[in-house]
PDB file of N, CA and C in Angstrom:
ATOM      1  N   MET A   1    -135.711 -37.117  32.078  1.00  0.00           N
ATOM      2  CA  MET A   1    -137.022 -37.399  32.661  1.00  0.00           C
ATOM      3  C   MET A   1    -136.917 -38.395  33.778  1.00  0.00           C
ATOM      4  N   SER A   2    -137.575 -38.116  34.869  1.00  0.00           N
ATOM      5  CA  SER A   2    -137.452 -39.039  35.967  1.00  0.00           C
ATOM      6  C   SER A   2    -138.146 -40.410  35.849  1.00  0.00           C
ATOM      7  N   THR A   3    -137.625 -41.383  36.458  1.00  0.00           N
ATOM      8  CA  THR A   3    -138.347 -42.591  36.577  1.00  0.00           C
ATOM      9  C   THR A   3    -139.060 -42.849  37.765  1.00  0.00           C
ATOM     10  N   VAL A   4    -139.081 -41.758  38.695  1.00  0.00           N
ATOM     11  CA  VAL A   4    -139.600 -41.714  39.892  1.00  0.00           C
ATOM     12  C   VAL A   4    -141.249 -41.522  39.649  1.00  0.00           C
ATOM     13  N   THR A   5    -142.038 -42.186  40.378  1.00  0.00           N
ATOM     14  CA  THR A   5    -143.395 -42.042  40.232  1.00  0.00           C
ATOM     15  C   THR A   5    -144.129 -41.244  41.211  1.00  0.00           C
ATOM     16  N   PHE A   6    -145.317 -40.728  40.894  1.00  0.00           N
ATOM     17  CA  PHE A   6    -145.966 -40.012  41.873  1.00  0.00           C
ATOM     18  C   PHE A   6    -146.194 -40.789  43.172  1.00  0.00           C
ATOM     19  N   ASP A   7    -146.529 -42.059  43.044  1.00  0.00           N
ATOM     20  CA  ASP A   7    -146.825 -43.015  44.253  1.00  0.00           C
ATOM     21  C   ASP A   7    -145.453 -42.967  44.998  1.00  0.00           C
ATOM     22  N   THR A   8    -144.324 -42.906  44.330  1.00  0.00           N
ATOM     23  CA  THR A   8    -143.037 -43.022  45.134  1.00  0.00           C
ATOM     24  C   THR A   8    -142.948 -41.678  46.012  1.00  0.00           C
ATOM     25  N   ILE A   9    -143.238 -40.647  45.369  1.00  0.00           N
ATOM     26  CA  ILE A   9    -143.132 -39.339  46.168  1.00  0.00           C
ATOM     27  C   ILE A   9    -144.263 -39.314  47.197  1.00  0.00           C
ATOM     28  N   ARG A  10    -145.482 -39.808  47.122  1.00  0.00           N
ATOM     29  CA  ARG A  10    -146.421 -39.832  48.110  1.00  0.00           C
ATOM     30  C   ARG A  10    -145.850 -40.795  49.227  1.00  0.00           C
ATOM     31  N   ALA A  11    -145.254 -41.827  49.074  1.00  0.00           N
ATOM     32  CA  ALA A  11    -144.774 -42.791  49.952  1.00  0.00           C
ATOM     33  C   ALA A  11    -143.716 -42.010  50.785  1.00  0.00           C
ATOM     34  N   LYS A  12    -142.761 -41.205  50.107  1.00  0.00           N
ATOM     35  CA  LYS A  12    -141.693 -40.500  50.709  1.00  0.00           C
ATOM     36  C   LYS A  12    -142.363 -39.252  51.625  1.00  0.00           C
ATOM     37  N   VAL A  13    -143.388 -38.719  51.163  1.00  0.00           N
ATOM     38  CA  VAL A  13    -143.984 -37.745  52.018  1.00  0.00           C
ATOM     39  C   VAL A  13    -144.617 -38.262  53.199  1.00  0.00           C
ATOM     40  N   GLU A  14    -145.334 -39.339  53.088  1.00  0.00           N
ATOM     41  CA  GLU A  14    -145.911 -40.227  54.262  1.00  0.00           C
ATOM     42  C   GLU A  14    -144.713 -40.458  55.240  1.00  0.00           C
ATOM     43  N   GLU A  15    -143.713 -40.793  54.811  1.00  0.00           N
ATOM     44  CA  GLU A  15    -142.579 -41.163  55.770  1.00  0.00           C
ATOM     45  C   GLU A  15    -142.012 -39.869  56.282  1.00  0.00           C
ATOM     46  N   LEU A  16    -141.721 -38.947  55.529  1.00  0.00           N
ATOM     47  CA  LEU A  16    -141.286 -37.661  55.962  1.00  0.00           C
ATOM     48  C   LEU A  16    -142.056 -37.048  57.189  1.00  0.00           C
ATOM     49  N   ARG A  17    -143.368 -37.116  57.168  1.00  0.00           N
ATOM     50  CA  ARG A  17    -144.297 -36.477  58.087  1.00  0.00           C
ATOM     51  C   ARG A  17    -144.238 -37.174  59.479  1.00  0.00           C
ATOM     52  N   THR A  18    -143.516 -38.544  59.492  1.00  0.00           N
ATOM     53  CA  THR A  18    -143.504 -39.310  60.575  1.00  0.00           C
ATOM     54  C   THR A  18    -142.025 -39.259  61.282  1.00  0.00           C
ATOM     55  N   LEU A  19    -141.130 -38.741  60.635  1.00  0.00           N
ATOM     56  CA  LEU A  19    -139.720 -38.674  60.987  1.00  0.00           C
ATOM     57  C   LEU A  19    -139.441 -37.640  62.310  1.00  0.00           C
ATOM     58  N   PRO A  20    -138.854 -38.239  63.345  1.00  0.00           N
ATOM     59  CA  PRO A  20    -138.529 -37.311  64.473  1.00  0.00           C
ATOM     60  C   PRO A  20    -137.518 -36.073  63.945  1.00  0.00           C
ATOM     61  N   SER A  21    -136.749 -36.375  62.866  1.00  0.00           N
ATOM     62  CA  SER A  21    -135.937 -35.307  62.254  1.00  0.00           C
ATOM     63  C   SER A  21    -136.751 -34.238  61.562  1.00  0.00           C
ATOM     64  N   SER A  22    -137.984 -34.389  61.262  1.00  0.00           N
ATOM     65  CA  SER A  22    -138.665 -33.389  60.503  1.00  0.00           C
ATOM     66  C   SER A  22    -139.274 -32.480  61.538  1.00  0.00           C
ATOM     67  N   CYS A  23    -139.130 -31.137  61.127  1.00  0.00           N
ATOM     68  CA  CYS A  23    -139.648 -30.116  61.993  1.00  0.00           C
ATOM     69  C   CYS A  23    -141.149 -29.968  61.882  1.00  0.00           C
ATOM     70  N   PRO A  24    -141.877 -29.526  62.907  1.00  0.00           N
ATOM     71  CA  PRO A  24    -143.293 -29.418  63.039  1.00  0.00           C
ATOM     72  C   PRO A  24    -143.983 -28.733  61.726  1.00  0.00           C
ATOM     73  N   GLU A  25    -143.416 -27.606  61.071  1.00  0.00           N
ATOM     74  CA  GLU A  25    -143.857 -27.173  59.939  1.00  0.00           C
ATOM     75  C   GLU A  25    -143.913 -28.091  58.673  1.00  0.00           C
ATOM     76  N   LEU A  26    -142.824 -28.733  58.650  1.00  0.00           N
ATOM     77  CA  LEU A  26    -142.754 -29.756  57.418  1.00  0.00           C
ATOM     78  C   LEU A  26    -143.602 -30.789  57.602  1.00  0.00           C
ATOM     79  N   LYS A  27    -143.628 -31.340  58.898  1.00  0.00           N
ATOM     80  CA  LYS A  27    -144.812 -32.393  59.130  1.00  0.00           C
ATOM     81  C   LYS A  27    -146.162 -31.915  58.768  1.00  0.00           C
ATOM     82  N   ALA A  28    -146.497 -30.613  59.018  1.00  0.00           N
ATOM     83  CA  ALA A  28    -147.846 -30.071  58.865  1.00  0.00           C
ATOM     84  C   ALA A  28    -148.049 -29.844  57.393  1.00  0.00           C
ATOM     85  N   VAL A  29    -147.145 -29.431  56.589  1.00  0.00           N
ATOM     86  CA  VAL A  29    -147.168 -29.395  55.058  1.00  0.00           C
ATOM     87  C   VAL A  29    -147.371 -30.743  54.576  1.00  0.00           C
ATOM     88  N   CYS A  30    -146.741 -31.630  55.091  1.00  0.00           N
ATOM     89  CA  CYS A  30    -146.887 -33.061  54.359  1.00  0.00           C
ATOM     90  C   CYS A  30    -148.160 -33.538  54.661  1.00  0.00           C
ATOM     91  N   THR A  31    -148.804 -33.418  55.933  1.00  0.00           N
ATOM     92  CA  THR A  31    -150.048 -33.764  56.210  1.00  0.00           C
ATOM     93  C   THR A  31    -151.092 -33.046  55.198  1.00  0.00           C
ATOM     94  N   GLU A  32    -151.063 -31.692  55.068  1.00  0.00           N
ATOM     95  CA  GLU A  32    -151.775 -31.095  54.141  1.00  0.00           C
ATOM     96  C   GLU A  32    -151.652 -31.604  52.633  1.00  0.00           C
ATOM     97  N   TRP A  33    -150.589 -31.817  52.343  1.00  0.00           N
ATOM     98  CA  TRP A  33    -150.231 -32.277  50.872  1.00  0.00           C
ATOM     99  C   TRP A  33    -151.058 -33.635  50.727  1.00  0.00           C
ATOM    100  N   LEU A  34    -150.829 -34.489  51.736  1.00  0.00           N
ATOM    101  CA  LEU A  34    -151.403 -35.765  51.490  1.00  0.00           C
ATOM    102  C   LEU A  34    -152.920 -35.685  51.506  1.00  0.00           C
ATOM    103  N   LYS A  35    -153.623 -34.748  52.211  1.00  0.00           N
ATOM    104  CA  LYS A  35    -154.978 -34.604  52.172  1.00  0.00           C
ATOM    105  C   LYS A  35    -155.349 -34.149  50.826  1.00  0.00           C
ATOM    106  N   ALA A  36    -154.640 -33.341  50.148  1.00  0.00           N
ATOM    107  CA  ALA A  36    -154.886 -32.514  48.993  1.00  0.00           C
ATOM    108  C   ALA A  36    -154.735 -33.441  47.727  1.00  0.00           C
ATOM    109  N   VAL A  37    -154.094 -34.664  47.939  1.00  0.00           N
ATOM    110  CA  VAL A  37    -153.820 -35.443  46.746  1.00  0.00           C
ATOM    111  C   VAL A  37    -155.172 -35.907  46.219  1.00  0.00           C
ATOM    112  N   GLY A  38    -155.273 -35.622  44.744  1.00  0.00           N
ATOM    113  CA  GLY A  38    -156.576 -35.975  44.009  1.00  0.00           C
ATOM    114  C   GLY A  38    -157.459 -34.790  44.161  1.00  0.00           C
ATOM    115  N   THR A  39    -157.177 -33.738  44.734  1.00  0.00           N
ATOM    116  CA  THR A  39    -158.326 -32.801  44.862  1.00  0.00           C
ATOM    117  C   THR A  39    -157.861 -31.578  43.960  1.00  0.00           C
ATOM    118  N   ASP A  40    -158.718 -30.463  43.888  1.00  0.00           N
ATOM    119  CA  ASP A  40    -158.586 -29.397  43.126  1.00  0.00           C
ATOM    120  C   ASP A  40    -157.309 -28.486  43.889  1.00  0.00           C
ATOM    121  N   CYS A  41    -156.913 -28.718  45.039  1.00  0.00           N
ATOM    122  CA  CYS A  41    -155.892 -28.031  45.659  1.00  0.00           C
ATOM    123  C   CYS A  41    -154.528 -28.779  45.533  1.00  0.00           C
ATOM    124  N   GLN A  42    -154.548 -29.799  44.792  1.00  0.00           N
ATOM    125  CA  GLN A  42    -153.174 -30.707  44.760  1.00  0.00           C
ATOM    126  C   GLN A  42    -152.117 -29.809  44.047  1.00  0.00           C
ATOM    127  N   GLN A  43    -152.271 -28.984  42.970  1.00  0.00           N
ATOM    128  CA  GLN A  43    -151.275 -28.333  42.510  1.00  0.00           C
ATOM    129  C   GLN A  43    -150.552 -27.179  43.348  1.00  0.00           C
ATOM    130  N   GLU A  44    -151.405 -26.463  43.974  1.00  0.00           N
ATOM    131  CA  GLU A  44    -151.256 -25.404  45.024  1.00  0.00           C
ATOM    132  C   GLU A  44    -150.424 -26.153  46.310  1.00  0.00           C
ATOM    133  N   MET A  45    -150.772 -27.271  46.645  1.00  0.00           N
ATOM    134  CA  MET A  45    -150.087 -27.953  47.657  1.00  0.00           C
ATOM    135  C   MET A  45    -148.834 -28.592  47.092  1.00  0.00           C
ATOM    136  N   ASN A  46    -148.649 -28.924  45.924  1.00  0.00           N
ATOM    137  CA  ASN A  46    -147.406 -29.297  45.417  1.00  0.00           C
ATOM    138  C   ASN A  46    -146.435 -28.275  45.483  1.00  0.00           C
ATOM    139  N   ALA A  47    -146.722 -27.036  45.089  1.00  0.00           N
ATOM    140  CA  ALA A  47    -145.929 -25.939  45.206  1.00  0.00           C
ATOM    141  C   ALA A  47    -145.564 -25.710  46.799  1.00  0.00           C
ATOM    142  N   LYS A  48    -146.506 -25.671  47.655  1.00  0.00           N
ATOM    143  CA  LYS A  48    -146.117 -25.620  49.010  1.00  0.00           C
ATOM    144  C   LYS A  48    -145.186 -26.612  49.536  1.00  0.00           C
ATOM    145  N   LEU A  49    -145.316 -27.810  49.237  1.00  0.00           N
ATOM    146  CA  LEU A  49    -144.476 -28.948  49.635  1.00  0.00           C
ATOM    147  C   LEU A  49    -143.063 -28.683  49.123  1.00  0.00           C
ATOM    148  N   LEU A  50    -143.001 -28.429  47.869  1.00  0.00           N
ATOM    149  CA  LEU A  50    -141.490 -28.200  47.361  1.00  0.00           C
ATOM    150  C   LEU A  50    -140.987 -26.869  47.961  1.00  0.00           C
ATOM    151  N   LYS A  51    -141.652 -25.850  48.374  1.00  0.00           N
ATOM    152  CA  LYS A  51    -141.102 -24.660  48.960  1.00  0.00           C
ATOM    153  C   LYS A  51    -140.714 -25.127  50.407  1.00  0.00           C
ATOM    154  N   GLU A  52    -141.470 -25.798  51.206  1.00  0.00           N
ATOM    155  CA  GLU A  52    -141.115 -26.336  52.485  1.00  0.00           C
ATOM    156  C   GLU A  52    -139.889 -27.209  52.404  1.00  0.00           C
ATOM    157  N   ALA A  53    -139.759 -28.157  51.548  1.00  0.00           N
ATOM    158  CA  ALA A  53    -138.752 -28.955  51.289  1.00  0.00           C
ATOM    159  C   ALA A  53    -137.400 -28.219  51.121  1.00  0.00           C
ATOM    160  N   GLU A  54    -137.472 -27.213  50.234  1.00  0.00           N
ATOM    161  CA  GLU A  54    -136.452 -26.354  50.065  1.00  0.00           C
ATOM    162  C   GLU A  54    -135.909 -25.444  51.227  1.00  0.00           C
ATOM    163  N   GLU A  55    -136.797 -24.980  52.025  1.00  0.00           N
ATOM    164  CA  GLU A  55    -136.628 -24.312  53.157  1.00  0.00           C
ATOM    165  C   GLU A  55    -135.910 -25.057  54.236  1.00  0.00           C
ATOM    166  N   ASP A  56    -136.381 -26.265  54.432  1.00  0.00           N
ATOM    167  CA  ASP A  56    -135.949 -27.230  55.592  1.00  0.00           C
ATOM    168  C   ASP A  56    -134.878 -28.006  55.456  1.00  0.00           C
ATOM    169  N   ILE A  57    -134.364 -28.204  53.981  1.00  0.00           N
ATOM    170  CA  ILE A  57    -133.130 -29.051  53.845  1.00  0.00           C
ATOM    171  C   ILE A  57    -131.967 -28.315  54.309  1.00  0.00           C
ATOM    172  N   ASN A  58    -131.125 -29.061  55.112  1.00  0.00           N
ATOM    173  CA  ASN A  58    -129.841 -28.327  55.694  1.00  0.00           C
ATOM    174  C   ASN A  58    -128.634 -28.734  55.009  1.00  0.00           C
ATOM    175  N   THR A  59    -127.686 -27.860  54.749  1.00  0.00           N
ATOM    176  CA  THR A  59    -126.615 -28.198  54.093  1.00  0.00           C
ATOM    177  C   THR A  59    -125.434 -28.878  55.186  1.00  0.00           C
ATOM    178  N   LEU A  60    -124.551 -29.474  54.731  1.00  0.00           N
ATOM    179  CA  LEU A  60    -123.532 -29.897  55.533  1.00  0.00           C
ATOM    180  C   LEU A  60    -122.774 -28.765  56.432  1.00  0.00           C
ATOM    181  N   ASP A  61    -122.669 -27.692  55.653  1.00  0.00           N
ATOM    182  CA  ASP A  61    -122.169 -26.428  56.415  1.00  0.00           C
ATOM    183  C   ASP A  61    -123.075 -25.942  57.503  1.00  0.00           C
ATOM    184  N   ASP A  62    -124.549 -26.189  57.404  1.00  0.00           N
ATOM    185  CA  ASP A  62    -125.271 -25.857  58.374  1.00  0.00           C
ATOM    186  C   ASP A  62    -125.274 -26.707  59.535  1.00  0.00           C
ATOM    187  N   VAL A  63    -124.965 -28.062  59.356  1.00  0.00           N
ATOM    188  CA  VAL A  63    -125.208 -29.059  60.408  1.00  0.00           C
ATOM    189  C   VAL A  63    -123.755 -29.423  61.065  1.00  0.00           C
ATOM    190  N   ILE A  64    -122.598 -29.262  60.498  1.00  0.00           N
ATOM    191  CA  ILE A  64    -121.361 -29.514  61.118  1.00  0.00           C
ATOM    192  C   ILE A  64    -121.145 -28.666  62.211  1.00  0.00           C
ATOM    193  N   PRO A  65    -121.388 -27.387  62.265  1.00  0.00           N
ATOM    194  CA  PRO A  65    -121.177 -26.633  63.533  1.00  0.00           C
ATOM    195  C   PRO A  65    -122.039 -27.150  64.643  1.00  0.00           C
ATOM    196  N   PHE A  66    -123.247 -27.513  64.323  1.00  0.00           N
ATOM    197  CA  PHE A  66    -124.211 -28.008  65.319  1.00  0.00           C
ATOM    198  C   PHE A  66    -123.724 -29.341  65.859  1.00  0.00           C
ATOM    199  N   PHE A  67    -123.216 -30.223  65.065  1.00  0.00           N
ATOM    200  CA  PHE A  67    -122.696 -31.512  65.444  1.00  0.00           C
ATOM    201  C   PHE A  67    -121.399 -31.254  66.641  1.00  0.00           C
ATOM    202  N   GLU A  68    -120.641 -30.337  66.273  1.00  0.00           N
ATOM    203  CA  GLU A  68    -119.401 -30.100  66.827  1.00  0.00           C
ATOM    204  C   GLU A  68    -119.566 -29.090  68.087  1.00  0.00           C
ATOM    205  N   SER A  69    -120.939 -28.536  68.406  1.00  0.00           N
ATOM    206  CA  SER A  69    -121.032 -27.695  69.432  1.00  0.00           C
ATOM    207  C   SER A  69    -121.521 -28.373  70.710  1.00  0.00           C
ATOM    208  N   ASP A  70    -121.552 -27.583  71.811  1.00  0.00           N
ATOM    209  CA  ASP A  70    -122.119 -28.148  73.117  1.00  0.00           C
ATOM    210  C   ASP A  70    -123.556 -28.602  72.953  1.00  0.00           C
ATOM    211  N   ALA A  71    -124.342 -27.786  72.124  1.00  0.00           N
ATOM    212  CA  ALA A  71    -125.709 -28.197  71.962  1.00  0.00           C
ATOM    213  C   ALA A  71    -125.863 -29.483  71.179  1.00  0.00           C
ATOM    214  N   GLY A  72    -125.064 -29.736  70.359  1.00  0.00           N
ATOM    215  CA  GLY A  72    -125.027 -30.960  69.703  1.00  0.00           C
ATOM    216  C   GLY A  72    -124.645 -32.126  70.370  1.00  0.00           C
ATOM    217  N   ARG A  73    -123.647 -31.914  71.252  1.00  0.00           N
ATOM    218  CA  ARG A  73    -123.131 -33.022  72.152  1.00  0.00           C
ATOM    219  C   ARG A  73    -124.224 -33.475  73.079  1.00  0.00           C
ATOM    220  N   LYS A  74    -124.964 -32.300  73.532  1.00  0.00           N
ATOM    221  CA  LYS A  74    -126.056 -32.484  74.584  1.00  0.00           C
ATOM    222  C   LYS A  74    -127.327 -33.257  73.731  1.00  0.00           C
ATOM    223  N   ALA A  75    -127.418 -32.791  72.729  1.00  0.00           N
ATOM    224  CA  ALA A  75    -128.662 -33.484  71.821  1.00  0.00           C
ATOM    225  C   ALA A  75    -128.300 -34.933  71.560  1.00  0.00           C
ATOM    226  N   PHE A  76    -127.107 -35.290  71.226  1.00  0.00           N
ATOM    227  CA  PHE A  76    -126.818 -36.588  70.599  1.00  0.00           C
ATOM    228  C   PHE A  76    -125.949 -37.451  71.724  1.00  0.00           C
ATOM    229  N   GLY A  77    -125.349 -36.879  72.452  1.00  0.00           N
ATOM    230  CA  GLY A  77    -124.273 -37.505  73.248  1.00  0.00           C
ATOM    231  C   GLY A  77    -122.934 -37.371  72.621  1.00  0.00           C
ATOM    232  N   GLU A  78    -121.940 -37.422  73.403  1.00  0.00           N
ATOM    233  CA  GLU A  78    -120.439 -37.123  72.923  1.00  0.00           C
ATOM    234  C   GLU A  78    -120.151 -37.958  71.671  1.00  0.00           C
ATOM    235  N   GLU A  79    -120.231 -39.244  71.965  1.00  0.00           N
ATOM    236  CA  GLU A  79    -119.895 -40.098  70.950  1.00  0.00           C
ATOM    237  C   GLU A  79    -120.690 -40.041  69.529  1.00  0.00           C
ATOM    238  N   THR A  80    -121.896 -40.038  69.659  1.00  0.00           N
ATOM    239  CA  THR A  80    -122.737 -39.849  68.546  1.00  0.00           C
ATOM    240  C   THR A  80    -122.560 -38.485  67.761  1.00  0.00           C
ATOM    241  N   ALA A  81    -122.312 -37.374  68.527  1.00  0.00           N
ATOM    242  CA  ALA A  81    -122.180 -36.098  67.920  1.00  0.00           C
ATOM    243  C   ALA A  81    -120.804 -36.177  67.190  1.00  0.00           C
ATOM    244  N   ALA A  82    -119.833 -36.678  67.812  1.00  0.00           N
ATOM    245  CA  ALA A  82    -118.595 -36.701  67.126  1.00  0.00           C
ATOM    246  C   ALA A  82    -118.619 -37.556  65.893  1.00  0.00           C
ATOM    247  N   GLN A  83    -119.315 -38.725  65.752  1.00  0.00           N
ATOM    248  CA  GLN A  83    -119.475 -39.630  64.747  1.00  0.00           C
ATOM    249  C   GLN A  83    -120.356 -38.821  63.623  1.00  0.00           C
ATOM    250  N   LEU A  84    -121.463 -38.176  64.076  1.00  0.00           N
ATOM    251  CA  LEU A  84    -122.120 -37.365  62.969  1.00  0.00           C
ATOM    252  C   LEU A  84    -121.355 -36.282  62.405  1.00  0.00           C
ATOM    253  N   ALA A  85    -120.524 -35.615  63.158  1.00  0.00           N
ATOM    254  CA  ALA A  85    -119.532 -34.524  62.662  1.00  0.00           C
ATOM    255  C   ALA A  85    -118.546 -35.132  61.635  1.00  0.00           C
ATOM    256  N   LYS A  86    -117.886 -36.355  62.080  1.00  0.00           N
ATOM    257  CA  LYS A  86    -117.035 -37.063  61.125  1.00  0.00           C
ATOM    258  C   LYS A  86    -117.742 -37.450  59.758  1.00  0.00           C
ATOM    259  N   ASN A  87    -118.863 -38.043  59.996  1.00  0.00           N
ATOM    260  CA  ASN A  87    -119.615 -38.310  58.766  1.00  0.00           C
ATOM    261  C   ASN A  87    -119.782 -37.242  57.799  1.00  0.00           C
ATOM    262  N   ALA A  88    -120.201 -36.052  58.446  1.00  0.00           N
ATOM    263  CA  ALA A  88    -120.501 -34.888  57.677  1.00  0.00           C
ATOM    264  C   ALA A  88    -119.214 -34.431  56.918  1.00  0.00           C
ATOM    265  N   HIS A  89    -118.307 -34.348  57.739  1.00  0.00           N
ATOM    266  CA  HIS A  89    -116.889 -33.837  57.102  1.00  0.00           C
ATOM    267  C   HIS A  89    -116.395 -34.848  55.981  1.00  0.00           C
ATOM    268  N   GLU A  90    -116.660 -36.016  56.029  1.00  0.00           N
ATOM    269  CA  GLU A  90    -116.411 -36.997  55.075  1.00  0.00           C
ATOM    270  C   GLU A  90    -117.238 -36.880  53.851  1.00  0.00           C
ATOM    271  N   LEU A  91    -118.641 -36.691  53.995  1.00  0.00           N
ATOM    272  CA  LEU A  91    -119.423 -36.372  52.918  1.00  0.00           C
ATOM    273  C   LEU A  91    -119.080 -35.071  52.190  1.00  0.00           C
ATOM    274  N   LYS A  92    -118.765 -34.060  52.832  1.00  0.00           N
ATOM    275  CA  LYS A  92    -118.400 -32.793  52.410  1.00  0.00           C
ATOM    276  C   LYS A  92    -117.035 -32.983  51.503  1.00  0.00           C
ATOM    277  N   ALA A  93    -116.186 -33.740  51.922  1.00  0.00           N
ATOM    278  CA  ALA A  93    -114.938 -33.972  51.181  1.00  0.00           C
ATOM    279  C   ALA A  93    -115.138 -34.617  50.029  1.00  0.00           C
ATOM    280  N   GLU A  94    -116.222 -35.502  50.026  1.00  0.00           N
ATOM    281  CA  GLU A  94    -116.689 -36.107  48.754  1.00  0.00           C
ATOM    282  C   GLU A  94    -117.377 -35.370  47.773  1.00  0.00           C
ATOM    283  N   GLY A  95    -117.726 -34.208  48.181  1.00  0.00           N
ATOM    284  CA  GLY A  95    -118.325 -33.258  47.229  1.00  0.00           C
ATOM    285  C   GLY A  95    -119.878 -33.100  47.629  1.00  0.00           C
ATOM    286  N   LYS A  96    -120.343 -33.819  48.547  1.00  0.00           N
ATOM    287  CA  LYS A  96    -121.862 -33.734  48.908  1.00  0.00           C
ATOM    288  C   LYS A  96    -122.142 -32.416  49.673  1.00  0.00           C
ATOM    289  N   LYS A  97    -123.392 -31.953  49.527  1.00  0.00           N
ATOM    290  CA  LYS A  97    -123.739 -30.739  49.913  1.00  0.00           C
ATOM    291  C   LYS A  97    -124.759 -30.726  51.059  1.00  0.00           C
ATOM    292  N   TYR A  98    -125.637 -31.878  51.023  1.00  0.00           N
ATOM    293  CA  TYR A  98    -126.706 -31.695  52.037  1.00  0.00           C
ATOM    294  C   TYR A  98    -126.607 -32.735  53.207  1.00  0.00           C
ATOM    295  N   CYS A  99    -127.120 -32.380  54.274  1.00  0.00           N
ATOM    296  CA  CYS A  99    -127.338 -33.267  55.466  1.00  0.00           C
ATOM    297  C   CYS A  99    -127.804 -34.486  55.090  1.00  0.00           C
ATOM    298  N   PHE A 100    -127.336 -35.529  55.794  1.00  0.00           N
ATOM    299  CA  PHE A 100    -127.772 -36.884  55.620  1.00  0.00           C
ATOM    300  C   PHE A 100    -128.797 -37.493  56.519  1.00  0.00           C
ATOM    301  N   CYS A 101    -129.325 -36.766  57.195  1.00  0.00           N
ATOM    302  CA  CYS A 101    -130.510 -37.080  58.153  1.00  0.00           C
ATOM    303  C   CYS A 101    -131.680 -37.638  57.280  1.00  0.00           C
ATOM    304  N   PRO A 102    -132.398 -38.593  57.967  1.00  0.00           N
ATOM    305  CA  PRO A 102    -133.607 -38.899  57.166  1.00  0.00           C
ATOM    306  C   PRO A 102    -134.423 -37.908  56.451  1.00  0.00           C
ATOM    307  N   SER A 103    -134.711 -36.849  57.278  1.00  0.00           N
ATOM    308  CA  SER A 103    -135.702 -35.769  56.737  1.00  0.00           C
ATOM    309  C   SER A 103    -135.051 -35.091  55.619  1.00  0.00           C
ATOM    310  N   CYS A 104    -133.667 -34.618  55.588  1.00  0.00           N
ATOM    311  CA  CYS A 104    -133.057 -33.890  54.688  1.00  0.00           C
ATOM    312  C   CYS A 104    -132.672 -34.695  53.441  1.00  0.00           C
ATOM    313  N   THR A 105    -132.580 -36.062  53.511  1.00  0.00           N
ATOM    314  CA  THR A 105    -132.568 -36.983  52.588  1.00  0.00           C
ATOM    315  C   THR A 105    -133.838 -37.134  51.645  1.00  0.00           C
ATOM    316  N   ILE A 106    -134.762 -37.182  52.344  1.00  0.00           N
ATOM    317  CA  ILE A 106    -136.120 -37.206  51.630  1.00  0.00           C
ATOM    318  C   ILE A 106    -136.496 -35.804  51.076  1.00  0.00           C
ATOM    319  N   CYS A 107    -136.212 -34.740  51.659  1.00  0.00           N
ATOM    320  CA  CYS A 107    -136.367 -33.453  51.149  1.00  0.00           C
ATOM    321  C   CYS A 107    -135.506 -33.312  49.692  1.00  0.00           C
ATOM    322  N   LEU A 108    -134.419 -33.774  49.911  1.00  0.00           N
ATOM    323  CA  LEU A 108    -133.478 -33.780  48.589  1.00  0.00           C
ATOM    324  C   LEU A 108    -134.075 -34.519  47.485  1.00  0.00           C
ATOM    325  N   PHE A 109    -134.523 -35.944  47.928  1.00  0.00           N
ATOM    326  CA  PHE A 109    -135.205 -36.710  46.887  1.00  0.00           C
ATOM    327  C   PHE A 109    -136.337 -36.031  46.245  1.00  0.00           C
ATOM    328  N   ILE A 110    -137.223 -35.413  47.066  1.00  0.00           N
ATOM    329  CA  ILE A 110    -138.363 -34.732  46.529  1.00  0.00           C
ATOM    330  C   ILE A 110    -137.981 -33.443  45.501  1.00  0.00           C
ATOM    331  N   LEU A 111    -136.907 -32.841  45.998  1.00  0.00           N
ATOM    332  CA  LEU A 111    -136.577 -31.700  45.137  1.00  0.00           C
ATOM    333  C   LEU A 111    -135.919 -32.118  43.939  1.00  0.00           C
ATOM    334  N   GLU A 112    -135.066 -33.219  44.049  1.00  0.00           N
ATOM    335  CA  GLU A 112    -134.475 -33.782  42.825  1.00  0.00           C
ATOM    336  C   GLU A 112    -135.339 -34.445  41.800  1.00  0.00           C
ATOM    337  N   ASN A 113    -136.725 -34.585  42.310  1.00  0.00           N
ATOM    338  CA  ASN A 113    -137.767 -35.196  41.339  1.00  0.00           C
ATOM    339  C   ASN A 113    -138.991 -34.422  41.275  1.00  0.00           C
ATOM    340  N   LYS A 114    -138.650 -33.234  41.314  1.00  0.00           N
ATOM    341  CA  LYS A 114    -139.956 -32.185  41.624  1.00  0.00           C
ATOM    342  C   LYS A 114    -140.553 -32.127  40.284  1.00  0.00           C
ATOM    343  N   GLU A 115    -140.070 -32.532  39.093  1.00  0.00           N
ATOM    344  CA  GLU A 115    -140.752 -32.635  37.904  1.00  0.00           C
ATOM    345  C   GLU A 115    -142.049 -33.572  37.986  1.00  0.00           C
ATOM    346  N   VAL A 116    -142.050 -34.512  38.881  1.00  0.00           N
ATOM    347  CA  VAL A 116    -143.131 -35.278  39.009  1.00  0.00           C
ATOM    348  C   VAL A 116    -144.345 -34.618  39.581  1.00  0.00           C
ATOM    349  N   LEU A 117    -144.098 -33.525  40.402  1.00  0.00           N
ATOM    350  CA  LEU A 117    -144.992 -32.623  40.987  1.00  0.00           C
ATOM    351  C   LEU A 117    -145.477 -31.489  40.245  1.00  0.00           C
ATOM    352  N   LEU A 118    -144.733 -31.081  39.149  1.00  0.00           N
ATOM    353  CA  LEU A 118    -144.990 -30.102  38.329  1.00  0.00           C
ATOM    354  C   LEU A 118    -146.159 -30.193  37.193  1.00  0.00           C
TER     355      LEU A 118
END
């Protein structure tokens, strides 16, 4: 049983919708979910939030090729892209599965504590 509270999830969703690393669809679902808290639509929106978090979380296998690509170097700069790739490889070697960006980290937190929303 989770010790995470609904208020903790709400705070994470509020943060998630403001992050530059969150895609527009995720931001929109976060906004919808926050508006639905305490309404008859909340359970429906809980399911929608969980579905979107599951769809948007990236694995390290997803992001490593991007960090190592020309597009990744262009997006982050040569040094930052190299550091991100290095960090991702280290986390993968430690057995981690998911991207470590703020958005993916929060999506993982929500998914790992989904019983709070069910």
